[in-house]
Amino acid sequence: MEILSILLFLGFLACWIMVLIPLFKENVGLGILGIICGLFAFIWGWIKAKEKGLTKVMIIWTIIWILLIILNLFTMGSMLQNM
């Protein structure tokens, strides 16, 4: 489980950086906001996906985000069960 979590996190980080690059090119202030608030970068990425050519990255990032949430729920459940 830990290896899967690390791999998903690295994929998440890569997608985030791939969205931050065009975000910074559009506006430095928005890029800084995208670093501070990853959710803003995620939403901006979906809004500008077709315009900036980020559709594949955003689909992958969304899938990774969903898998991380599911993995965290399973981890939390097993931790509660061990208590």
PDB file of N, CA and C in Angstrom:
ATOM      1  N   MET A   1       0.828  -1.209   0.000  1.00  0.00           N
ATOM      2  CA  MET A   1       0.000   0.000   0.000  1.00  0.00           C
ATOM      3  C   MET A   1       0.863   1.260   0.000  1.00  0.00           C
ATOM      4  N   GLU A   2       1.972   1.203   0.745  1.00  0.00           N
ATOM      5  CA  GLU A   2       2.823   2.390   0.834  1.00  0.00           C
ATOM      6  C   GLU A   2       3.466   2.720  -0.506  1.00  0.00           C
ATOM      7  N   ILE A   3       3.885   1.693  -1.235  1.00  0.00           N
ATOM      8  CA  ILE A   3       4.509   1.923  -2.543  1.00  0.00           C
ATOM      9  C   ILE A   3       3.491   2.523  -3.505  1.00  0.00           C
ATOM     10  N   LEU A   4       2.277   1.998  -3.483  1.00  0.00           N
ATOM     11  CA  LEU A   4       1.215   2.544  -4.336  1.00  0.00           C
ATOM     12  C   LEU A   4       0.936   3.994  -3.990  1.00  0.00           C
ATOM     13  N   SER A   5       0.899   4.292  -2.714  1.00  0.00           N
ATOM     14  CA  SER A   5       0.667   5.663  -2.266  1.00  0.00           C
ATOM     15  C   SER A   5       1.774   6.602  -2.746  1.00  0.00           C
ATOM     16  N   ILE A   6       3.015   6.147  -2.660  1.00  0.00           N
ATOM     17  CA  ILE A   6       4.149   6.965  -3.113  1.00  0.00           C
ATOM     18  C   ILE A   6       4.077   7.186  -4.617  1.00  0.00           C
ATOM     19  N   LEU A   7       3.785   6.136  -5.379  1.00  0.00           N
ATOM     20  CA  LEU A   7       3.681   6.271  -6.838  1.00  0.00           C
ATOM     21  C   LEU A   7       2.561   7.220  -7.239  1.00  0.00           C
ATOM     22  N   LEU A   8       1.423   7.098  -6.563  1.00  0.00           N
ATOM     23  CA  LEU A   8       0.310   8.001  -6.862  1.00  0.00           C
ATOM     24  C   LEU A   8       0.671   9.443  -6.518  1.00  0.00           C
ATOM     25  N   PHE A   9       1.353   9.637  -5.400  1.00  0.00           N
ATOM     26  CA  PHE A   9       1.765  10.984  -5.012  1.00  0.00           C
ATOM     27  C   PHE A   9       2.736  11.574  -6.036  1.00  0.00           C
ATOM     28  N   LEU A  10       3.680  10.779  -6.523  1.00  0.00           N
ATOM     29  CA  LEU A  10       4.621  11.279  -7.536  1.00  0.00           C
ATOM     30  C   LEU A  10       3.899  11.644  -8.829  1.00  0.00           C
ATOM     31  N   GLY A  11       2.919  10.835  -9.221  1.00  0.00           N
ATOM     32  CA  GLY A  11       2.108  11.160 -10.395  1.00  0.00           C
ATOM     33  C   GLY A  11       1.303  12.426 -10.179  1.00  0.00           C
ATOM     34  N   PHE A  12       0.752  12.572  -8.980  1.00  0.00           N
ATOM     35  CA  PHE A  12       0.000  13.775  -8.613  1.00  0.00           C
ATOM     36  C   PHE A  12       0.898  15.004  -8.719  1.00  0.00           C
ATOM     37  N   LEU A  13       2.100  14.896  -8.170  1.00  0.00           N
ATOM     38  CA  LEU A  13       3.060  16.002  -8.195  1.00  0.00           C
ATOM     39  C   LEU A  13       3.451  16.365  -9.628  1.00  0.00           C
ATOM     40  N   ALA A  14       3.686  15.347 -10.471  1.00  0.00           N
ATOM     41  CA  ALA A  14       4.059  15.597 -11.859  1.00  0.00           C
ATOM     42  C   ALA A  14       2.936  16.320 -12.608  1.00  0.00           C
ATOM     43  N   CYS A  15       1.701  15.884 -12.418  1.00  0.00           N
ATOM     44  CA  CYS A  15       0.569  16.537 -13.090  1.00  0.00           C
ATOM     45  C   CYS A  15       0.411  17.975 -12.606  1.00  0.00           C
ATOM     46  N   TRP A  16       0.574  18.190 -11.315  1.00  0.00           N
ATOM     47  CA  TRP A  16       0.470  19.536 -10.750  1.00  0.00           C
ATOM     48  C   TRP A  16       1.509  20.460 -11.374  1.00  0.00           C
ATOM     49  N   ILE A  17       2.730  19.994 -11.491  1.00  0.00           N
ATOM     50  CA  ILE A  17       3.796  20.808 -12.092  1.00  0.00           C
ATOM     51  C   ILE A  17       3.504  21.074 -13.567  1.00  0.00           C
ATOM     52  N   MET A  18       2.967  20.065 -14.266  1.00  0.00           N
ATOM     53  CA  MET A  18       2.650  20.247 -15.680  1.00  0.00           C
ATOM     54  C   MET A  18       1.533  21.264 -15.889  1.00  0.00           C
ATOM     55  N   VAL A  19       0.688  21.469 -14.901  1.00  0.00           N
ATOM     56  CA  VAL A  19      -0.351  22.497 -14.980  1.00  0.00           C
ATOM     57  C   VAL A  19       0.211  23.843 -14.530  1.00  0.00           C
ATOM     58  N   LEU A  20       1.115  23.826 -13.563  1.00  0.00           N
ATOM     59  CA  LEU A  20       1.682  25.086 -13.072  1.00  0.00           C
ATOM     60  C   LEU A  20       2.490  25.822 -14.142  1.00  0.00           C
ATOM     61  N   ILE A  21       3.144  25.102 -15.027  1.00  0.00           N
ATOM     62  CA  ILE A  21       3.974  25.745 -16.054  1.00  0.00           C
ATOM     63  C   ILE A  21       3.146  26.669 -16.942  1.00  0.00           C
ATOM     64  N   PRO A  22       2.049  26.198 -17.584  1.00  0.00           N
ATOM     65  CA  PRO A  22       1.245  27.142 -18.368  1.00  0.00           C
ATOM     66  C   PRO A  22       0.527  28.182 -17.507  1.00  0.00           C
ATOM     67  N   LEU A  23       0.262  27.837 -16.262  1.00  0.00           N
ATOM     68  CA  LEU A  23      -0.375  28.789 -15.353  1.00  0.00           C
ATOM     69  C   LEU A  23       0.559  29.961 -15.095  1.00  0.00           C
ATOM     70  N   PHE A  24       1.835  29.690 -14.871  1.00  0.00           N
ATOM     71  CA  PHE A  24       2.819  30.760 -14.681  1.00  0.00           C
ATOM     72  C   PHE A  24       3.018  31.565 -15.963  1.00  0.00           C
ATOM     73  N   LYS A  25       2.967  30.884 -17.126  1.00  0.00           N
ATOM     74  CA  LYS A  25       3.134  31.598 -18.394  1.00  0.00           C
ATOM     75  C   LYS A  25       1.997  32.584 -18.628  1.00  0.00           C
ATOM     76  N   GLU A  26       0.804  32.230 -18.146  1.00  0.00           N
ATOM     77  CA  GLU A  26      -0.333  33.124 -18.327  1.00  0.00           C
ATOM     78  C   GLU A  26      -0.266  34.317 -17.375  1.00  0.00           C
ATOM     79  N   ASN A  27       0.075  34.048 -16.114  1.00  0.00           N
ATOM     80  CA  ASN A  27       0.103  35.117 -15.120  1.00  0.00           C
ATOM     81  C   ASN A  27       0.889  34.624 -13.904  1.00  0.00           C
ATOM     82  N   VAL A  28       1.921  35.364 -13.516  1.00  0.00           N
ATOM     83  CA  VAL A  28       2.765  34.959 -12.393  1.00  0.00           C
ATOM     84  C   VAL A  28       1.960  34.909 -11.095  1.00  0.00           C
ATOM     85  N   GLY A  29       1.078  35.857 -10.892  1.00  0.00           N
ATOM     86  CA  GLY A  29       0.248  35.871  -9.691  1.00  0.00           C
ATOM     87  C   GLY A  29      -0.622  34.633  -9.583  1.00  0.00           C
ATOM     88  N   LEU A  30      -1.199  34.214 -10.705  1.00  0.00           N
ATOM     89  CA  LEU A  30      -2.004  32.996 -10.713  1.00  0.00           C
ATOM     90  C   LEU A  30      -1.135  31.766 -10.462  1.00  0.00           C
ATOM     91  N   GLY A  31       0.087  31.795 -10.978  1.00  0.00           N
ATOM     92  CA  GLY A  31       1.011  30.689 -10.742  1.00  0.00           C
ATOM     93  C   GLY A  31       1.344  30.538  -9.274  1.00  0.00           C
ATOM     94  N   ILE A  32       1.579  31.661  -8.607  1.00  0.00           N
ATOM     95  CA  ILE A  32       1.853  31.622  -7.168  1.00  0.00           C
ATOM     96  C   ILE A  32       0.625  31.111  -6.420  1.00  0.00           C
ATOM     97  N   LEU A  33      -0.544  31.560  -6.823  1.00  0.00           N
ATOM     98  CA  LEU A  33      -1.779  31.076  -6.211  1.00  0.00           C
ATOM     99  C   LEU A  33      -1.931  29.570  -6.438  1.00  0.00           C
ATOM    100  N   GLY A  34      -1.521  29.097  -7.614  1.00  0.00           N
ATOM    101  CA  GLY A  34      -1.577  27.673  -7.917  1.00  0.00           C
ATOM    102  C   GLY A  34      -0.640  26.850  -7.053  1.00  0.00           C
ATOM    103  N   ILE A  35       0.477  27.449  -6.622  1.00  0.00           N
ATOM    104  CA  ILE A  35       1.394  26.757  -5.712  1.00  0.00           C
ATOM    105  C   ILE A  35       0.793  26.717  -4.307  1.00  0.00           C
ATOM    106  N   ILE A  36       0.259  27.842  -3.878  1.00  0.00           N
ATOM    107  CA  ILE A  36      -0.304  27.932  -2.525  1.00  0.00           C
ATOM    108  C   ILE A  36      -1.556  27.069  -2.400  1.00  0.00           C
ATOM    109  N   CYS A  37      -2.390  27.094  -3.421  1.00  0.00           N
ATOM    110  CA  CYS A  37      -3.656  26.362  -3.389  1.00  0.00           C
ATOM    111  C   CYS A  37      -3.730  25.439  -4.609  1.00  0.00           C
ATOM    112  N   GLY A  38      -3.392  24.170  -4.392  1.00  0.00           N
ATOM    113  CA  GLY A  38      -3.399  23.201  -5.481  1.00  0.00           C
ATOM    114  C   GLY A  38      -4.766  23.013  -6.109  1.00  0.00           C
ATOM    115  N   LEU A  39      -5.811  23.197  -5.316  1.00  0.00           N
ATOM    116  CA  LEU A  39      -7.169  23.067  -5.847  1.00  0.00           C
ATOM    117  C   LEU A  39      -7.440  24.132  -6.914  1.00  0.00           C
ATOM    118  N   PHE A  40      -6.881  25.331  -6.730  1.00  0.00           N
ATOM    119  CA  PHE A  40      -7.040  26.374  -7.749  1.00  0.00           C
ATOM    120  C   PHE A  40      -6.382  25.932  -9.052  1.00  0.00           C
ATOM    121  N   ALA A  41      -5.181  25.379  -8.967  1.00  0.00           N
ATOM    122  CA  ALA A  41      -4.488  24.904 -10.170  1.00  0.00           C
ATOM    123  C   ALA A  41      -5.292  23.799 -10.849  1.00  0.00           C
ATOM    124  N   PHE A  42      -5.885  22.926 -10.053  1.00  0.00           N
ATOM    125  CA  PHE A  42      -6.699  21.838 -10.595  1.00  0.00           C
ATOM    126  C   PHE A  42      -7.913  22.381 -11.346  1.00  0.00           C
ATOM    127  N   ILE A  43      -8.627  23.314 -10.740  1.00  0.00           N
ATOM    128  CA  ILE A  43      -9.814  23.900 -11.374  1.00  0.00           C
ATOM    129  C   ILE A  43      -9.422  24.690 -12.611  1.00  0.00           C
ATOM    130  N   TRP A  44      -8.365  25.492 -12.513  1.00  0.00           N
ATOM    131  CA  TRP A  44      -7.883  26.274 -13.660  1.00  0.00           C
ATOM    132  C   TRP A  44      -7.488  25.338 -14.798  1.00  0.00           C
ATOM    133  N   GLY A  45      -6.840  24.225 -14.446  1.00  0.00           N
ATOM    134  CA  GLY A  45      -6.434  23.258 -15.468  1.00  0.00           C
ATOM    135  C   GLY A  45      -7.614  22.699 -16.239  1.00  0.00           C
ATOM    136  N   TRP A  46      -8.708  22.405 -15.542  1.00  0.00           N
ATOM    137  CA  TRP A  46      -9.893  21.901 -16.242  1.00  0.00           C
ATOM    138  C   TRP A  46     -10.553  22.993 -17.080  1.00  0.00           C
ATOM    139  N   ILE A  47     -10.553  24.211 -16.579  1.00  0.00           N
ATOM    140  CA  ILE A  47     -11.159  25.314 -17.333  1.00  0.00           C
ATOM    141  C   ILE A  47     -10.391  25.572 -18.625  1.00  0.00           C
ATOM    142  N   LYS A  48      -9.067  25.499 -18.554  1.00  0.00           N
ATOM    143  CA  LYS A  48      -8.211  25.810 -19.704  1.00  0.00           C
ATOM    144  C   LYS A  48      -7.678  24.565 -20.412  1.00  0.00           C
ATOM    145  N   ALA A  49      -8.232  23.389 -20.127  1.00  0.00           N
ATOM    146  CA  ALA A  49      -7.687  22.132 -20.644  1.00  0.00           C
ATOM    147  C   ALA A  49      -7.574  22.108 -22.168  1.00  0.00           C
ATOM    148  N   LYS A  50      -8.628  22.444 -22.861  1.00  0.00           N
ATOM    149  CA  LYS A  50      -8.582  22.396 -24.324  1.00  0.00           C
ATOM    150  C   LYS A  50      -7.709  23.508 -24.890  1.00  0.00           C
ATOM    151  N   GLU A  51      -7.830  24.696 -24.323  1.00  0.00           N
ATOM    152  CA  GLU A  51      -7.074  25.850 -24.807  1.00  0.00           C
ATOM    153  C   GLU A  51      -5.565  25.646 -24.653  1.00  0.00           C
ATOM    154  N   LYS A  52      -5.146  25.061 -23.545  1.00  0.00           N
ATOM    155  CA  LYS A  52      -3.722  24.893 -23.247  1.00  0.00           C
ATOM    156  C   LYS A  52      -3.196  23.503 -23.580  1.00  0.00           C
ATOM    157  N   GLY A  53      -4.046  22.618 -24.069  1.00  0.00           N
ATOM    158  CA  GLY A  53      -3.617  21.261 -24.417  1.00  0.00           C
ATOM    159  C   GLY A  53      -3.336  20.397 -23.194  1.00  0.00           C
ATOM    160  N   LEU A  54      -4.127  20.565 -22.152  1.00  0.00           N
ATOM    161  CA  LEU A  54      -3.906  19.854 -20.892  1.00  0.00           C
ATOM    162  C   LEU A  54      -4.937  18.760 -20.631  1.00  0.00           C
ATOM    163  N   THR A  55      -5.705  18.382 -21.623  1.00  0.00           N
ATOM    164  CA  THR A  55      -6.804  17.446 -21.401  1.00  0.00           C
ATOM    165  C   THR A  55      -6.311  16.118 -20.836  1.00  0.00           C
ATOM    166  N   LYS A  56      -5.273  15.518 -21.441  1.00  0.00           N
ATOM    167  CA  LYS A  56      -4.763  14.230 -20.969  1.00  0.00           C
ATOM    168  C   LYS A  56      -4.201  14.346 -19.559  1.00  0.00           C
ATOM    169  N   VAL A  57      -3.467  15.426 -19.310  1.00  0.00           N
ATOM    170  CA  VAL A  57      -2.885  15.641 -17.980  1.00  0.00           C
ATOM    171  C   VAL A  57      -3.990  15.762 -16.940  1.00  0.00           C
ATOM    172  N   MET A  58      -5.050  16.487 -17.274  1.00  0.00           N
ATOM    173  CA  MET A  58      -6.134  16.693 -16.315  1.00  0.00           C
ATOM    174  C   MET A  58      -6.913  15.403 -16.055  1.00  0.00           C
ATOM    175  N   ILE A  59      -7.088  14.584 -17.078  1.00  0.00           N
ATOM    176  CA  ILE A  59      -7.762  13.302 -16.877  1.00  0.00           C
ATOM    177  C   ILE A  59      -6.933  12.413 -15.959  1.00  0.00           C
ATOM    178  N   ILE A  60      -5.634  12.348 -16.223  1.00  0.00           N
ATOM    179  CA  ILE A  60      -4.743  11.551 -15.379  1.00  0.00           C
ATOM    180  C   ILE A  60      -4.732  12.098 -13.954  1.00  0.00           C
ATOM    181  N   TRP A  61      -4.648  13.425 -13.813  1.00  0.00           N
ATOM    182  CA  TRP A  61      -4.614  14.035 -12.484  1.00  0.00           C
ATOM    183  C   TRP A  61      -5.908  13.745 -11.715  1.00  0.00           C
ATOM    184  N   THR A  62      -7.042  13.786 -12.404  1.00  0.00           N
ATOM    185  CA  THR A  62      -8.325  13.490 -11.763  1.00  0.00           C
ATOM    186  C   THR A  62      -8.385  12.039 -11.301  1.00  0.00           C
ATOM    187  N   ILE A  63      -7.936  11.125 -12.150  1.00  0.00           N
ATOM    188  CA  ILE A  63      -7.931   9.704 -11.789  1.00  0.00           C
ATOM    189  C   ILE A  63      -7.023   9.469 -10.581  1.00  0.00           C
ATOM    190  N   ILE A  64      -5.845  10.090 -10.599  1.00  0.00           N
ATOM    191  CA  ILE A  64      -4.922   9.950  -9.466  1.00  0.00           C
ATOM    192  C   ILE A  64      -5.561  10.499  -8.197  1.00  0.00           C
ATOM    193  N   TRP A  65      -6.215  11.646  -8.297  1.00  0.00           N
ATOM    194  CA  TRP A  65      -6.848  12.254  -7.131  1.00  0.00           C
ATOM    195  C   TRP A  65      -7.913  11.306  -6.544  1.00  0.00           C
ATOM    196  N   ILE A  66      -8.732  10.714  -7.412  1.00  0.00           N
ATOM    197  CA  ILE A  66      -9.769   9.783  -6.958  1.00  0.00           C
ATOM    198  C   ILE A  66      -9.141   8.551  -6.306  1.00  0.00           C
ATOM    199  N   LEU A  67      -8.083   8.017  -6.936  1.00  0.00           N
ATOM    200  CA  LEU A  67      -7.413   6.845  -6.366  1.00  0.00           C
ATOM    201  C   LEU A  67      -6.782   7.161  -5.013  1.00  0.00           C
ATOM    202  N   LEU A  68      -6.215   8.345  -4.857  1.00  0.00           N
ATOM    203  CA  LEU A  68      -5.638   8.732  -3.569  1.00  0.00           C
ATOM    204  C   LEU A  68      -6.712   8.849  -2.492  1.00  0.00           C
ATOM    205  N   ILE A  69      -7.858   9.385  -2.845  1.00  0.00           N
ATOM    206  CA  ILE A  69      -8.956   9.488  -1.880  1.00  0.00           C
ATOM    207  C   ILE A  69      -9.412   8.096  -1.456  1.00  0.00           C
ATOM    208  N   ILE A  70      -9.584   7.190  -2.413  1.00  0.00           N
ATOM    209  CA  ILE A  70      -9.998   5.820  -2.095  1.00  0.00           C
ATOM    210  C   ILE A  70      -8.945   5.132  -1.231  1.00  0.00           C
ATOM    211  N   LEU A  71      -7.680   5.281  -1.594  1.00  0.00           N
ATOM    212  CA  LEU A  71      -6.596   4.677  -0.827  1.00  0.00           C
ATOM    213  C   LEU A  71      -6.566   5.213   0.604  1.00  0.00           C
ATOM    214  N   ASN A  72      -6.769   6.509   0.754  1.00  0.00           N
ATOM    215  CA  ASN A  72      -6.793   7.092   2.092  1.00  0.00           C
ATOM    216  C   ASN A  72      -7.978   6.587   2.904  1.00  0.00           C
ATOM    217  N   LEU A  73      -9.125   6.391   2.275  1.00  0.00           N
ATOM    218  CA  LEU A  73     -10.281   5.852   2.991  1.00  0.00           C
ATOM    219  C   LEU A  73     -10.017   4.427   3.477  1.00  0.00           C
ATOM    220  N   PHE A  74      -9.388   3.608   2.620  1.00  0.00           N
ATOM    221  CA  PHE A  74      -9.045   2.249   3.031  1.00  0.00           C
ATOM    222  C   PHE A  74      -8.021   2.257   4.160  1.00  0.00           C
ATOM    223  N   THR A  75      -7.033   3.125   4.049  1.00  0.00           N
ATOM    224  CA  THR A  75      -6.003   3.221   5.088  1.00  0.00           C
ATOM    225  C   THR A  75      -6.621   3.670   6.405  1.00  0.00           C
ATOM    226  N   MET A  76      -7.491   4.661   6.343  1.00  0.00           N
ATOM    227  CA  MET A  76      -8.145   5.155   7.547  1.00  0.00           C
ATOM    228  C   MET A  76      -9.024   4.056   8.161  1.00  0.00           C
ATOM    229  N   GLY A  77      -9.713   3.311   7.326  1.00  0.00           N
ATOM    230  CA  GLY A  77     -10.550   2.223   7.821  1.00  0.00           C
ATOM    231  C   GLY A  77      -9.738   1.141   8.507  1.00  0.00           C
ATOM    232  N   SER A  78      -8.606   0.789   7.917  1.00  0.00           N
ATOM    233  CA  SER A  78      -7.782  -0.241   8.548  1.00  0.00           C
ATOM    234  C   SER A  78      -7.145   0.264   9.838  1.00  0.00           C
ATOM    235  N   MET A  79      -6.822   1.539   9.908  1.00  0.00           N
ATOM    236  CA  MET A  79      -6.275   2.102  11.140  1.00  0.00           C
ATOM    237  C   MET A  79      -7.318   2.088  12.250  1.00  0.00           C
ATOM    238  N   LEU A  80      -8.558   2.424  11.916  1.00  0.00           N
ATOM    239  CA  LEU A  80      -9.627   2.403  12.912  1.00  0.00           C
ATOM    240  C   LEU A  80      -9.929   0.984  13.380  1.00  0.00           C
ATOM    241  N   GLN A  81      -9.796   0.045  12.465  1.00  0.00           N
ATOM    242  CA  GLN A  81     -10.069  -1.344  12.802  1.00  0.00           C
ATOM    243  C   GLN A  81      -8.992  -1.886  13.754  1.00  0.00           C
ATOM    244  N   ASN A  82      -7.764  -1.407  13.621  1.00  0.00           N
ATOM    245  CA  ASN A  82      -6.677  -1.859  14.479  1.00  0.00           C
ATOM    246  C   ASN A  82      -6.700  -1.242  15.863  1.00  0.00           C
ATOM    247  N   MET A  83      -7.512  -0.219  16.063  1.00  0.00           N
ATOM    248  CA  MET A  83      -7.551   0.448  17.364  1.00  0.00           C
ATOM    249  C   MET A  83      -8.281  -0.357  18.357  1.00  0.00           C
TER     250      MET A  83
END
